[in-house]
C-alpha cells in the first residue's frame, strides 16, 4: 500500500505492532535480515521467552535492534569510539556485541552474546524510533506460531509478500581495551 507520494504507508502496522509490544506481546515482520520475531527489550516475560527459543535453536541469532547508534549509549556503560565507525563503514548488516549492558531486563543482562544491530530498512527504523527503546529480535527466518508466543502477537502485513534474500550480518565483539573479535565476517 502506498500513499499519494509513493512512500510506503505502514502507519497502521506500526501502531498495531507498538500496541502488541507495549501490551506484553510479540511481533513478526519481514526485514532485510529475513523474518524477525521481536519483543520490547524491557519486557522480562517476553525477553525470557525469546531467549528460551534461542537456547533451543542455537543457529538462530538474537540481537537488540535499534534505530541509531546514539540509542546504544542508553544501554551500554561505555560505548567504544570505534562503534560509530564500524556502523558507518559497514557495507552489510552488522551486529556489535558490547560489554557492560545496562538498563535491560535481567534475562538480557545475563546473556553474554546479545549485540546491537541497526536496521537500514524503513519500517524497522520507524518502529524502533517510535518505541524509543530496543527490540529484542530473534532471526529464525520462519514464522513462529501464535501458540508458541502469546495471543498478543501481531504479524505485520507490510511487505509480507516480498521475498528478501536475507543477508547474514557480520558479528563483531568488542571487549575491554578495544579488543576486537570477529565472530562472523
C-alpha atoms as a PDB file:
ATOM      1  CA  UNK A   1       0.000   0.000   0.000  1.00  0.00           C
ATOM      2  CA  UNK A   2       1.371   3.423  -0.864  1.00  0.00           C
ATOM      3  CA  UNK A   3       0.137   6.925  -0.291  1.00  0.00           C
ATOM      4  CA  UNK A   4      -0.133   9.758  -2.766  1.00  0.00           C
ATOM      5  CA  UNK A   5       3.611  10.483  -2.635  1.00  0.00           C
ATOM      6  CA  UNK A   6       4.524   6.820  -3.341  1.00  0.00           C
ATOM      7  CA  UNK A   7       6.126   6.416   0.060  1.00  0.00           C
ATOM      8  CA  UNK A   8       5.344   3.219   1.934  1.00  0.00           C
ATOM      9  CA  UNK A   9       2.345   3.528   4.205  1.00  0.00           C
ATOM     10  CA  UNK A  10       2.871   1.282   7.182  1.00  0.00           C
ATOM     11  CA  UNK A  11       1.390   3.544   9.852  1.00  0.00           C
ATOM     12  CA  UNK A  12      -1.332   1.047  10.763  1.00  0.00           C
ATOM     13  CA  UNK A  13       1.221  -1.762  11.062  1.00  0.00           C
ATOM     14  CA  UNK A  14       3.457   0.427  13.241  1.00  0.00           C
ATOM     15  CA  UNK A  15       0.535   1.314  15.525  1.00  0.00           C
ATOM     16  CA  UNK A  16      -0.634  -2.299  15.855  1.00  0.00           C
ATOM     17  CA  UNK A  17       2.917  -3.551  16.410  1.00  0.00           C
ATOM     18  CA  UNK A  18       3.525  -0.974  19.151  1.00  0.00           C
ATOM     19  CA  UNK A  19       0.201  -1.862  20.774  1.00  0.00           C
ATOM     20  CA  UNK A  20       1.191  -5.530  20.799  1.00  0.00           C
ATOM     21  CA  UNK A  21       4.715  -4.843  22.077  1.00  0.00           C
ATOM     22  CA  UNK A  22       3.581  -2.457  24.813  1.00  0.00           C
ATOM     23  CA  UNK A  23       0.878  -4.932  25.820  1.00  0.00           C
ATOM     24  CA  UNK A  24       3.461  -7.620  26.543  1.00  0.00           C
ATOM     25  CA  UNK A  25       3.203  -9.344  23.190  1.00  0.00           C
ATOM     26  CA  UNK A  26       5.393 -10.116  20.226  1.00  0.00           C
ATOM     27  CA  UNK A  27       5.504  -9.015  16.626  1.00  0.00           C
ATOM     28  CA  UNK A  28       6.802 -10.600  13.461  1.00  0.00           C
ATOM     29  CA  UNK A  29       7.923  -8.780  10.362  1.00  0.00           C
ATOM     30  CA  UNK A  30       9.798  -9.310   7.133  1.00  0.00           C
ATOM     31  CA  UNK A  31      13.072  -7.420   7.108  1.00  0.00           C
ATOM     32  CA  UNK A  32      16.411  -7.155   5.371  1.00  0.00           C
ATOM     33  CA  UNK A  33      17.533  -9.937   7.750  1.00  0.00           C
ATOM     34  CA  UNK A  34      14.628 -12.270   6.931  1.00  0.00           C
ATOM     35  CA  UNK A  35      11.624 -12.853   9.172  1.00  0.00           C
ATOM     36  CA  UNK A  36      12.133 -11.445  12.661  1.00  0.00           C
ATOM     37  CA  UNK A  37      10.238 -12.188  15.837  1.00  0.00           C
ATOM     38  CA  UNK A  38      10.593  -9.271  18.231  1.00  0.00           C
ATOM     39  CA  UNK A  39       9.554  -8.059  21.650  1.00  0.00           C
ATOM     40  CA  UNK A  40      10.011  -4.970  23.768  1.00  0.00           C
ATOM     41  CA  UNK A  41      13.501  -5.381  25.230  1.00  0.00           C
ATOM     42  CA  UNK A  42      12.208  -4.055  28.568  1.00  0.00           C
ATOM     43  CA  UNK A  43       9.616  -6.854  28.959  1.00  0.00           C
ATOM     44  CA  UNK A  44      11.069  -9.527  31.261  1.00  0.00           C
ATOM     45  CA  UNK A  45       8.482 -12.157  30.332  1.00  0.00           C
ATOM     46  CA  UNK A  46       8.870 -11.683  26.590  1.00  0.00           C
ATOM     47  CA  UNK A  47      12.670 -11.493  26.699  1.00  0.00           C
ATOM     48  CA  UNK A  48      12.770 -14.704  28.701  1.00  0.00           C
ATOM     49  CA  UNK A  49      10.612 -16.463  26.108  1.00  0.00           C
ATOM     50  CA  UNK A  50      12.757 -15.334  23.147  1.00  0.00           C
ATOM     51  CA  UNK A  51      15.939 -16.321  24.971  1.00  0.00           C
ATOM     52  CA  UNK A  52      14.425 -19.773  25.603  1.00  0.00           C
ATOM     53  CA  UNK A  53      13.713 -20.115  21.853  1.00  0.00           C
ATOM     54  CA  UNK A  54      17.322 -19.147  21.145  1.00  0.00           C
ATOM     55  CA  UNK A  55      18.608 -21.772  23.573  1.00  0.00           C
ATOM     56  CA  UNK A  56      16.593 -24.480  21.761  1.00  0.00           C
ATOM     57  CA  UNK A  57      17.832 -23.376  18.331  1.00  0.00           C
ATOM     58  CA  UNK A  58      21.495 -22.447  18.530  1.00  0.00           C
ATOM     59  CA  UNK A  59      21.702 -21.411  14.871  1.00  0.00           C
ATOM     60  CA  UNK A  60      19.254 -18.549  15.394  1.00  0.00           C
ATOM     61  CA  UNK A  61      20.583 -15.056  16.084  1.00  0.00           C
ATOM     62  CA  UNK A  62      19.343 -12.965  18.996  1.00  0.00           C
ATOM     63  CA  UNK A  63      20.082  -9.238  18.945  1.00  0.00           C
ATOM     64  CA  UNK A  64      18.882  -5.808  20.030  1.00  0.00           C
ATOM     65  CA  UNK A  65      17.525  -3.791  17.122  1.00  0.00           C
ATOM     66  CA  UNK A  66      17.858  -0.018  17.435  1.00  0.00           C
ATOM     67  CA  UNK A  67      17.164   2.916  15.165  1.00  0.00           C
ATOM     68  CA  UNK A  68      20.524   4.677  15.522  1.00  0.00           C
ATOM     69  CA  UNK A  69      23.986   4.479  17.058  1.00  0.00           C
ATOM     70  CA  UNK A  70      23.039   7.193  19.534  1.00  0.00           C
ATOM     71  CA  UNK A  71      20.357   4.911  21.027  1.00  0.00           C
ATOM     72  CA  UNK A  72      23.072   2.410  22.029  1.00  0.00           C
ATOM     73  CA  UNK A  73      24.507   4.888  24.566  1.00  0.00           C
ATOM     74  CA  UNK A  74      21.471   4.446  26.800  1.00  0.00           C
ATOM     75  CA  UNK A  75      22.076   0.705  27.108  1.00  0.00           C
ATOM     76  CA  UNK A  76      25.858   0.321  27.405  1.00  0.00           C
ATOM     77  CA  UNK A  77      28.106   1.627  30.195  1.00  0.00           C
ATOM     78  CA  UNK A  78      30.872   2.761  27.828  1.00  0.00           C
ATOM     79  CA  UNK A  79      30.499   2.770  24.062  1.00  0.00           C
ATOM     80  CA  UNK A  80      33.936   2.476  22.445  1.00  0.00           C
ATOM     81  CA  UNK A  81      34.592   5.175  19.847  1.00  0.00           C
ATOM     82  CA  UNK A  82      35.175   2.546  17.185  1.00  0.00           C
ATOM     83  CA  UNK A  83      31.485   1.527  17.305  1.00  0.00           C
ATOM     84  CA  UNK A  84      30.439   4.664  15.416  1.00  0.00           C
ATOM     85  CA  UNK A  85      32.989   3.966  12.685  1.00  0.00           C
ATOM     86  CA  UNK A  86      32.085   0.294  12.388  1.00  0.00           C
ATOM     87  CA  UNK A  87      28.406   1.016  11.804  1.00  0.00           C
ATOM     88  CA  UNK A  88      29.202   3.860   9.429  1.00  0.00           C
ATOM     89  CA  UNK A  89      31.588   1.931   7.161  1.00  0.00           C
ATOM     90  CA  UNK A  90      29.882  -1.458   7.226  1.00  0.00           C
ATOM     91  CA  UNK A  91      28.614  -2.424   3.789  1.00  0.00           C
ATOM     92  CA  UNK A  92      26.285  -5.109   5.094  1.00  0.00           C
ATOM     93  CA  UNK A  93      24.222  -5.584   8.255  1.00  0.00           C
ATOM     94  CA  UNK A  94      26.390  -5.571  11.361  1.00  0.00           C
ATOM     95  CA  UNK A  95      25.865  -6.789  14.896  1.00  0.00           C
ATOM     96  CA  UNK A  96      28.221  -5.412  17.534  1.00  0.00           C
ATOM     97  CA  UNK A  97      28.412  -7.202  20.872  1.00  0.00           C
ATOM     98  CA  UNK A  98      29.472  -4.891  23.672  1.00  0.00           C
ATOM     99  CA  UNK A  99      30.347  -5.436  27.309  1.00  0.00           C
ATOM    100  CA  UNK A 100      28.651  -3.505  30.085  1.00  0.00           C
ATOM    101  CA  UNK A 101      24.980  -3.623  29.150  1.00  0.00           C
ATOM    102  CA  UNK A 102      22.680  -1.581  31.371  1.00  0.00           C
ATOM    103  CA  UNK A 103      19.004  -0.612  31.598  1.00  0.00           C
ATOM    104  CA  UNK A 104      17.917  -4.036  30.319  1.00  0.00           C
ATOM    105  CA  UNK A 105      15.932  -6.914  31.776  1.00  0.00           C
ATOM    106  CA  UNK A 106      17.893  -9.391  33.928  1.00  0.00           C
ATOM    107  CA  UNK A 107      17.466 -12.014  31.172  1.00  0.00           C
ATOM    108  CA  UNK A 108      19.185  -9.798  28.615  1.00  0.00           C
ATOM    109  CA  UNK A 109      21.879  -8.687  31.063  1.00  0.00           C
ATOM    110  CA  UNK A 110      22.755 -12.329  31.794  1.00  0.00           C
ATOM    111  CA  UNK A 111      23.096 -13.213  28.089  1.00  0.00           C
ATOM    112  CA  UNK A 112      26.669 -12.689  27.029  1.00  0.00           C
ATOM    113  CA  UNK A 113      26.338 -12.691  23.252  1.00  0.00           C
ATOM    114  CA  UNK A 114      23.496 -10.307  22.511  1.00  0.00           C
ATOM    115  CA  UNK A 115      24.647  -7.476  20.315  1.00  0.00           C
ATOM    116  CA  UNK A 116      23.201  -4.340  18.790  1.00  0.00           C
ATOM    117  CA  UNK A 117      22.093  -4.080  15.197  1.00  0.00           C
ATOM    118  CA  UNK A 118      20.883  -1.002  13.350  1.00  0.00           C
ATOM    119  CA  UNK A 119      18.373  -1.572  10.600  1.00  0.00           C
ATOM    120  CA  UNK A 120      18.628   0.207   7.277  1.00  0.00           C
ATOM    121  CA  UNK A 121      15.080  -0.830   6.440  1.00  0.00           C
ATOM    122  CA  UNK A 122      12.476   1.945   6.659  1.00  0.00           C
ATOM    123  CA  UNK A 123       9.789   0.037   8.560  1.00  0.00           C
ATOM    124  CA  UNK A 124      12.135  -1.276  11.283  1.00  0.00           C
ATOM    125  CA  UNK A 125      13.844   2.089  11.715  1.00  0.00           C
ATOM    126  CA  UNK A 126      10.490   3.849  12.106  1.00  0.00           C
ATOM    127  CA  UNK A 127       9.234   1.222  14.538  1.00  0.00           C
ATOM    128  CA  UNK A 128      12.338   1.447  16.743  1.00  0.00           C
ATOM    129  CA  UNK A 129      12.220   5.228  16.638  1.00  0.00           C
ATOM    130  CA  UNK A 130       8.567   5.241  17.758  1.00  0.00           C
ATOM    131  CA  UNK A 131       9.274   2.690  20.525  1.00  0.00           C
ATOM    132  CA  UNK A 132      12.240   4.782  21.761  1.00  0.00           C
ATOM    133  CA  UNK A 133      13.952   1.632  23.023  1.00  0.00           C
ATOM    134  CA  UNK A 134      15.491  -1.515  21.593  1.00  0.00           C
ATOM    135  CA  UNK A 135      13.590  -4.506  20.336  1.00  0.00           C
ATOM    136  CA  UNK A 136      14.926  -7.917  21.256  1.00  0.00           C
ATOM    137  CA  UNK A 137      14.823  -9.825  17.978  1.00  0.00           C
ATOM    138  CA  UNK A 138      15.176 -13.446  17.008  1.00  0.00           C
ATOM    139  CA  UNK A 139      16.019 -14.429  13.435  1.00  0.00           C
ATOM    140  CA  UNK A 140      14.765 -17.909  12.761  1.00  0.00           C
ATOM    141  CA  UNK A 141      13.564 -16.789   9.311  1.00  0.00           C
ATOM    142  CA  UNK A 142      10.386 -18.760   9.931  1.00  0.00           C
ATOM    143  CA  UNK A 143       7.089 -17.728  11.387  1.00  0.00           C
ATOM    144  CA  UNK A 144       6.759 -18.852  14.988  1.00  0.00           C
ATOM    145  CA  UNK A 145       3.122 -19.715  15.638  1.00  0.00           C
ATOM    146  CA  UNK A 146       0.989 -17.636  17.980  1.00  0.00           C
ATOM    147  CA  UNK A 147       0.614 -20.688  20.236  1.00  0.00           C
ATOM    148  CA  UNK A 148       4.376 -20.650  20.734  1.00  0.00           C
ATOM    149  CA  UNK A 149       4.433 -16.946  21.559  1.00  0.00           C
ATOM    150  CA  UNK A 150       1.273 -15.463  23.039  1.00  0.00           C
ATOM    151  CA  UNK A 151      -2.177 -14.428  21.969  1.00  0.00           C
ATOM    152  CA  UNK A 152      -0.911 -10.841  21.943  1.00  0.00           C
ATOM    153  CA  UNK A 153       1.249 -11.369  18.856  1.00  0.00           C
ATOM    154  CA  UNK A 154       0.988  -9.247  15.741  1.00  0.00           C
ATOM    155  CA  UNK A 155       2.219 -10.224  12.294  1.00  0.00           C
ATOM    156  CA  UNK A 156       2.999  -7.123  10.274  1.00  0.00           C
ATOM    157  CA  UNK A 157       1.309  -7.098   6.864  1.00  0.00           C
ATOM    158  CA  UNK A 158       3.680  -4.581   5.275  1.00  0.00           C
ATOM    159  CA  UNK A 159       5.971  -6.367   2.792  1.00  0.00           C
ATOM    160  CA  UNK A 160       4.806  -9.872   3.726  1.00  0.00           C
ATOM    161  CA  UNK A 161       4.644 -10.917   0.108  1.00  0.00           C
ATOM    162  CA  UNK A 162       8.104  -9.608  -0.739  1.00  0.00           C
ATOM    163  CA  UNK A 163      10.888 -12.143  -0.863  1.00  0.00           C
ATOM    164  CA  UNK A 164      14.146 -10.957   0.589  1.00  0.00           C
ATOM    165  CA  UNK A 165      17.361 -12.830   0.326  1.00  0.00           C
ATOM    166  CA  UNK A 166      18.406 -12.415   3.944  1.00  0.00           C
ATOM    167  CA  UNK A 167      21.929 -11.141   4.345  1.00  0.00           C
ATOM    168  CA  UNK A 168      23.840 -12.736   7.179  1.00  0.00           C
ATOM    169  CA  UNK A 169      25.189  -9.880   9.246  1.00  0.00           C
ATOM    170  CA  UNK A 170      28.777  -9.556  10.281  1.00  0.00           C
ATOM    171  CA  UNK A 171      29.151 -10.062  14.017  1.00  0.00           C
ATOM    172  CA  UNK A 172      31.912  -8.340  15.950  1.00  0.00           C
ATOM    173  CA  UNK A 173      32.539  -8.488  19.682  1.00  0.00           C
ATOM    174  CA  UNK A 174      34.283  -5.510  21.218  1.00  0.00           C
ATOM    175  CA  UNK A 175      35.939  -6.172  24.545  1.00  0.00           C
ATOM    176  CA  UNK A 176      37.741  -4.038  27.041  1.00  0.00           C
ATOM    177  CA  UNK A 177      40.636  -2.028  25.647  1.00  0.00           C
ATOM    178  CA  UNK A 178      39.074  -2.064  22.149  1.00  0.00           C
ATOM    179  CA  UNK A 179      39.817  -5.779  21.784  1.00  0.00           C
ATOM    180  CA  UNK A 180      38.079  -6.889  18.584  1.00  0.00           C
ATOM    181  CA  UNK A 181      36.881 -10.427  17.926  1.00  0.00           C
ATOM    182  CA  UNK A 182      35.287 -11.179  14.565  1.00  0.00           C
ATOM    183  CA  UNK A 183      32.627 -13.841  15.087  1.00  0.00           C
ATOM    184  CA  UNK A 184      31.199 -13.782  11.550  1.00  0.00           C
ATOM    185  CA  UNK A 185      32.602 -11.892   8.540  1.00  0.00           C
END
